[in-house]
Amino acid sequence: MSNKTLLKHYDTPIEAGNPQRTEAWALLQAAVRIKTAQTSGDADALRAAVRLNWRLWTILQADLLEPTCPVPTEIRANMLSLAAFVDKQTVRFLSEGETSLLDSLISINREISRGLSSAAESSAEAQGQVQATPSEA
């Protein structure tokens, strides 16, 4: 699924009961908020968007560290490494204010969102649960 497709459904409510799609939506929403605030030059909105993204990644980290986490070990390790990078970039941005530090966070969120969306679609197709999107209906 392309970022354009993901953005088209940005305002579409997430479906209950599908954690991968929920996480994909949240990551994309955080990326869009950061990019929008970055483009507008609104420092307060940018700090708020970056802090929202940081909270999201903190939640993801906590889930990945749970002993019952179903994510395969290698993927979990990679995601935790990304989370550590997000933490470092966020702290650097909040202390230095250099907006170019945020480009990598936006990119990471978009790519992880795309991967989660693809995985959720594949899982739904395998289970015969594909639902038409509003544009397909």
C-alpha atoms as a PDB file:
ATOM      1  CA  MET A   1       0.000   0.000   0.000  1.00  0.00           C
ATOM      2  CA  SER A   2       1.457   3.370  -0.979  1.00  0.00           C
ATOM      3  CA  ASN A   3       1.710   6.413   1.264  1.00  0.00           C
ATOM      4  CA  LYS A   4      -0.851   8.111  -1.015  1.00  0.00           C
ATOM      5  CA  THR A   5      -3.317   5.317  -0.295  1.00  0.00           C
ATOM      6  CA  LEU A   6      -2.543   5.531   3.411  1.00  0.00           C
ATOM      7  CA  LEU A   7      -2.973   9.301   3.396  1.00  0.00           C
ATOM      8  CA  LYS A   8      -6.249   9.015   1.483  1.00  0.00           C
ATOM      9  CA  HIS A   9      -7.611   7.053   4.441  1.00  0.00           C
ATOM     10  CA  TYR A  10      -5.957   9.278   7.060  1.00  0.00           C
ATOM     11  CA  ASP A  11      -9.299  10.597   8.306  1.00  0.00           C
ATOM     12  CA  THR A  12     -10.979   7.208   8.035  1.00  0.00           C
ATOM     13  CA  PRO A  13     -11.662   5.785  11.490  1.00  0.00           C
ATOM     14  CA  ILE A  14      -9.582   2.763  12.327  1.00  0.00           C
ATOM     15  CA  GLU A  15     -11.323  -0.565  12.564  1.00  0.00           C
ATOM     16  CA  ALA A  16     -11.634  -2.171  15.955  1.00  0.00           C
ATOM     17  CA  GLY A  17      -9.925  -5.474  16.585  1.00  0.00           C
ATOM     18  CA  ASN A  18      -6.999  -5.071  14.197  1.00  0.00           C
ATOM     19  CA  PRO A  19      -3.902  -3.996  16.150  1.00  0.00           C
ATOM     20  CA  GLN A  20      -1.651  -3.868  13.072  1.00  0.00           C
ATOM     21  CA  ARG A  21      -3.948  -1.438  11.275  1.00  0.00           C
ATOM     22  CA  THR A  22      -4.339   0.596  14.464  1.00  0.00           C
ATOM     23  CA  GLU A  23      -0.562   0.874  14.852  1.00  0.00           C
ATOM     24  CA  ALA A  24      -0.136   1.679  11.156  1.00  0.00           C
ATOM     25  CA  TRP A  25      -2.757   4.424  11.390  1.00  0.00           C
ATOM     26  CA  ALA A  26      -1.217   5.897  14.561  1.00  0.00           C
ATOM     27  CA  LEU A  27       2.294   5.960  13.086  1.00  0.00           C
ATOM     28  CA  LEU A  28       1.079   7.577   9.893  1.00  0.00           C
ATOM     29  CA  GLN A  29      -0.996  10.126  11.795  1.00  0.00           C
ATOM     30  CA  ALA A  30       2.061  11.045  13.886  1.00  0.00           C
ATOM     31  CA  ALA A  31       4.192  11.412  10.729  1.00  0.00           C
ATOM     32  CA  VAL A  32       1.570  13.610   9.079  1.00  0.00           C
ATOM     33  CA  ARG A  33       1.298  15.810  12.173  1.00  0.00           C
ATOM     34  CA  ILE A  34       5.071  16.251  12.357  1.00  0.00           C
ATOM     35  CA  LYS A  35       5.346  17.043   8.639  1.00  0.00           C
ATOM     36  CA  THR A  36       2.409  19.464   8.731  1.00  0.00           C
ATOM     37  CA  ALA A  37       3.832  21.319  11.732  1.00  0.00           C
ATOM     38  CA  GLN A  38       7.326  21.277  10.223  1.00  0.00           C
ATOM     39  CA  THR A  39       6.010  22.803   6.992  1.00  0.00           C
ATOM     40  CA  SER A  40       3.926  25.433   8.791  1.00  0.00           C
ATOM     41  CA  GLY A  41       6.814  26.576  10.962  1.00  0.00           C
ATOM     42  CA  ASP A  42       4.607  26.532  14.081  1.00  0.00           C
ATOM     43  CA  ALA A  43       7.132  25.697  16.807  1.00  0.00           C
ATOM     44  CA  ASP A  44       4.506  24.833  19.434  1.00  0.00           C
ATOM     45  CA  ALA A  45       2.607  22.510  17.080  1.00  0.00           C
ATOM     46  CA  LEU A  46       5.886  20.900  16.047  1.00  0.00           C
ATOM     47  CA  ARG A  47       6.947  20.203  19.632  1.00  0.00           C
ATOM     48  CA  ALA A  48       3.472  18.803  20.378  1.00  0.00           C
ATOM     49  CA  ALA A  49       3.589  16.542  17.307  1.00  0.00           C
ATOM     50  CA  VAL A  50       7.075  15.299  18.170  1.00  0.00           C
ATOM     51  CA  ARG A  51       6.047  14.589  21.756  1.00  0.00           C
ATOM     52  CA  LEU A  52       2.976  12.704  20.508  1.00  0.00           C
ATOM     53  CA  ASN A  53       5.232  10.607  18.282  1.00  0.00           C
ATOM     54  CA  TRP A  54       7.576   9.966  21.209  1.00  0.00           C
ATOM     55  CA  ARG A  55       4.657   8.769  23.376  1.00  0.00           C
ATOM     56  CA  LEU A  56       3.531   6.471  20.575  1.00  0.00           C
ATOM     57  CA  TRP A  57       6.995   4.946  20.266  1.00  0.00           C
ATOM     58  CA  THR A  58       7.157   4.553  24.073  1.00  0.00           C
ATOM     59  CA  ILE A  59       3.930   2.542  23.918  1.00  0.00           C
ATOM     60  CA  LEU A  60       5.329   0.424  21.079  1.00  0.00           C
ATOM     61  CA  GLN A  61       8.512  -0.190  23.076  1.00  0.00           C
ATOM     62  CA  ALA A  62       6.531  -1.284  26.123  1.00  0.00           C
ATOM     63  CA  ASP A  63       4.492  -3.710  24.010  1.00  0.00           C
ATOM     64  CA  LEU A  64       7.626  -5.124  22.367  1.00  0.00           C
ATOM     65  CA  LEU A  65       9.219  -5.727  25.773  1.00  0.00           C
ATOM     66  CA  GLU A  66       6.272  -7.730  27.092  1.00  0.00           C
ATOM     67  CA  PRO A  67       7.197 -11.406  27.593  1.00  0.00           C
ATOM     68  CA  THR A  68       4.012 -12.420  25.751  1.00  0.00           C
ATOM     69  CA  CYS A  69       4.747 -10.245  22.721  1.00  0.00           C
ATOM     70  CA  PRO A  70       3.924 -12.317  19.607  1.00  0.00           C
ATOM     71  CA  VAL A  71       6.354 -10.395  17.356  1.00  0.00           C
ATOM     72  CA  PRO A  72       9.244 -12.610  16.166  1.00  0.00           C
ATOM     73  CA  THR A  73      12.497 -12.034  18.062  1.00  0.00           C
ATOM     74  CA  GLU A  74      14.445 -10.599  15.117  1.00  0.00           C
ATOM     75  CA  ILE A  75      11.702  -8.124  14.204  1.00  0.00           C
ATOM     76  CA  ARG A  76      11.290  -7.183  17.853  1.00  0.00           C
ATOM     77  CA  ALA A  77      15.028  -6.457  18.148  1.00  0.00           C
ATOM     78  CA  ASN A  78      14.934  -4.337  14.990  1.00  0.00           C
ATOM     79  CA  MET A  79      11.902  -2.399  16.196  1.00  0.00           C
ATOM     80  CA  LEU A  80      13.527  -1.796  19.584  1.00  0.00           C
ATOM     81  CA  SER A  81      16.632  -0.477  17.818  1.00  0.00           C
ATOM     82  CA  LEU A  82      14.440   1.869  15.804  1.00  0.00           C
ATOM     83  CA  ALA A  83      12.690   2.939  19.004  1.00  0.00           C
ATOM     84  CA  ALA A  84      16.050   3.788  20.591  1.00  0.00           C
ATOM     85  CA  PHE A  85      16.913   5.842  17.496  1.00  0.00           C
ATOM     86  CA  VAL A  86      13.548   7.633  17.698  1.00  0.00           C
ATOM     87  CA  ASP A  87      14.257   8.419  21.362  1.00  0.00           C
ATOM     88  CA  LYS A  88      17.692   9.871  20.547  1.00  0.00           C
ATOM     89  CA  GLN A  89      16.473  11.929  17.582  1.00  0.00           C
ATOM     90  CA  THR A  90      13.528  13.236  19.597  1.00  0.00           C
ATOM     91  CA  VAL A  91      15.717  14.321  22.508  1.00  0.00           C
ATOM     92  CA  ARG A  92      18.162  15.961  20.085  1.00  0.00           C
ATOM     93  CA  PHE A  93      15.344  17.839  18.377  1.00  0.00           C
ATOM     94  CA  LEU A  94      13.795  18.976  21.657  1.00  0.00           C
ATOM     95  CA  SER A  95      17.151  20.231  22.924  1.00  0.00           C
ATOM     96  CA  GLU A  96      18.605  21.635  19.669  1.00  0.00           C
ATOM     97  CA  GLY A  97      15.471  22.561  17.726  1.00  0.00           C
ATOM     98  CA  GLU A  98      16.952  21.418  14.403  1.00  0.00           C
ATOM     99  CA  THR A  99      13.947  20.467  12.260  1.00  0.00           C
ATOM    100  CA  SER A 100      16.011  18.435   9.782  1.00  0.00           C
ATOM    101  CA  LEU A 101      16.360  15.812  12.539  1.00  0.00           C
ATOM    102  CA  LEU A 102      12.664  15.071  12.062  1.00  0.00           C
ATOM    103  CA  ASP A 103      12.901  13.904   8.456  1.00  0.00           C
ATOM    104  CA  SER A 104      14.190  10.517   9.580  1.00  0.00           C
ATOM    105  CA  LEU A 105      11.370  10.161  12.128  1.00  0.00           C
ATOM    106  CA  ILE A 106       8.773  10.935   9.471  1.00  0.00           C
ATOM    107  CA  SER A 107      10.355   8.409   7.118  1.00  0.00           C
ATOM    108  CA  ILE A 108      10.552   5.682   9.775  1.00  0.00           C
ATOM    109  CA  ASN A 109       6.907   6.162  10.734  1.00  0.00           C
ATOM    110  CA  ARG A 110       5.777   6.062   7.109  1.00  0.00           C
ATOM    111  CA  GLU A 111       7.750   2.918   6.311  1.00  0.00           C
ATOM    112  CA  ILE A 112       6.687   1.033   9.440  1.00  0.00           C
ATOM    113  CA  SER A 113       3.097   2.120   8.789  1.00  0.00           C
ATOM    114  CA  ARG A 114       3.299   0.837   5.225  1.00  0.00           C
ATOM    115  CA  GLY A 115       4.696  -2.503   6.436  1.00  0.00           C
ATOM    116  CA  LEU A 116       2.064  -2.904   9.120  1.00  0.00           C
ATOM    117  CA  SER A 117      -0.708  -2.041   6.661  1.00  0.00           C
ATOM    118  CA  SER A 118       0.576  -4.583   4.156  1.00  0.00           C
ATOM    119  CA  ALA A 119       0.849  -7.243   6.846  1.00  0.00           C
ATOM    120  CA  ALA A 120      -2.654  -6.472   8.098  1.00  0.00           C
ATOM    121  CA  GLU A 121      -4.038  -6.724   4.564  1.00  0.00           C
ATOM    122  CA  SER A 122      -2.244 -10.027   3.967  1.00  0.00           C
ATOM    123  CA  SER A 123      -3.528 -11.387   7.257  1.00  0.00           C
ATOM    124  CA  ALA A 124      -7.094 -10.299   6.480  1.00  0.00           C
ATOM    125  CA  GLU A 125      -6.914 -11.813   2.986  1.00  0.00           C
ATOM    126  CA  ALA A 126      -5.633 -15.079   4.407  1.00  0.00           C
ATOM    127  CA  GLN A 127      -8.566 -15.129   6.799  1.00  0.00           C
ATOM    128  CA  GLY A 128     -11.064 -14.060   4.141  1.00  0.00           C
ATOM    129  CA  GLN A 129     -11.840 -10.847   5.963  1.00  0.00           C
ATOM    130  CA  VAL A 130     -10.979  -8.225   3.351  1.00  0.00           C
ATOM    131  CA  GLN A 131     -13.367  -5.306   3.616  1.00  0.00           C
ATOM    132  CA  ALA A 132     -13.914  -2.762   0.869  1.00  0.00           C
ATOM    133  CA  THR A 133     -12.520   0.673   1.586  1.00  0.00           C
ATOM    134  CA  PRO A 134     -14.900   3.608   1.133  1.00  0.00           C
ATOM    135  CA  SER A 135     -13.468   4.308  -2.329  1.00  0.00           C
ATOM    136  CA  GLU A 136     -13.911   0.674  -3.395  1.00  0.00           C
ATOM    137  CA  ALA A 137     -17.450   0.323  -2.097  1.00  0.00           C
END
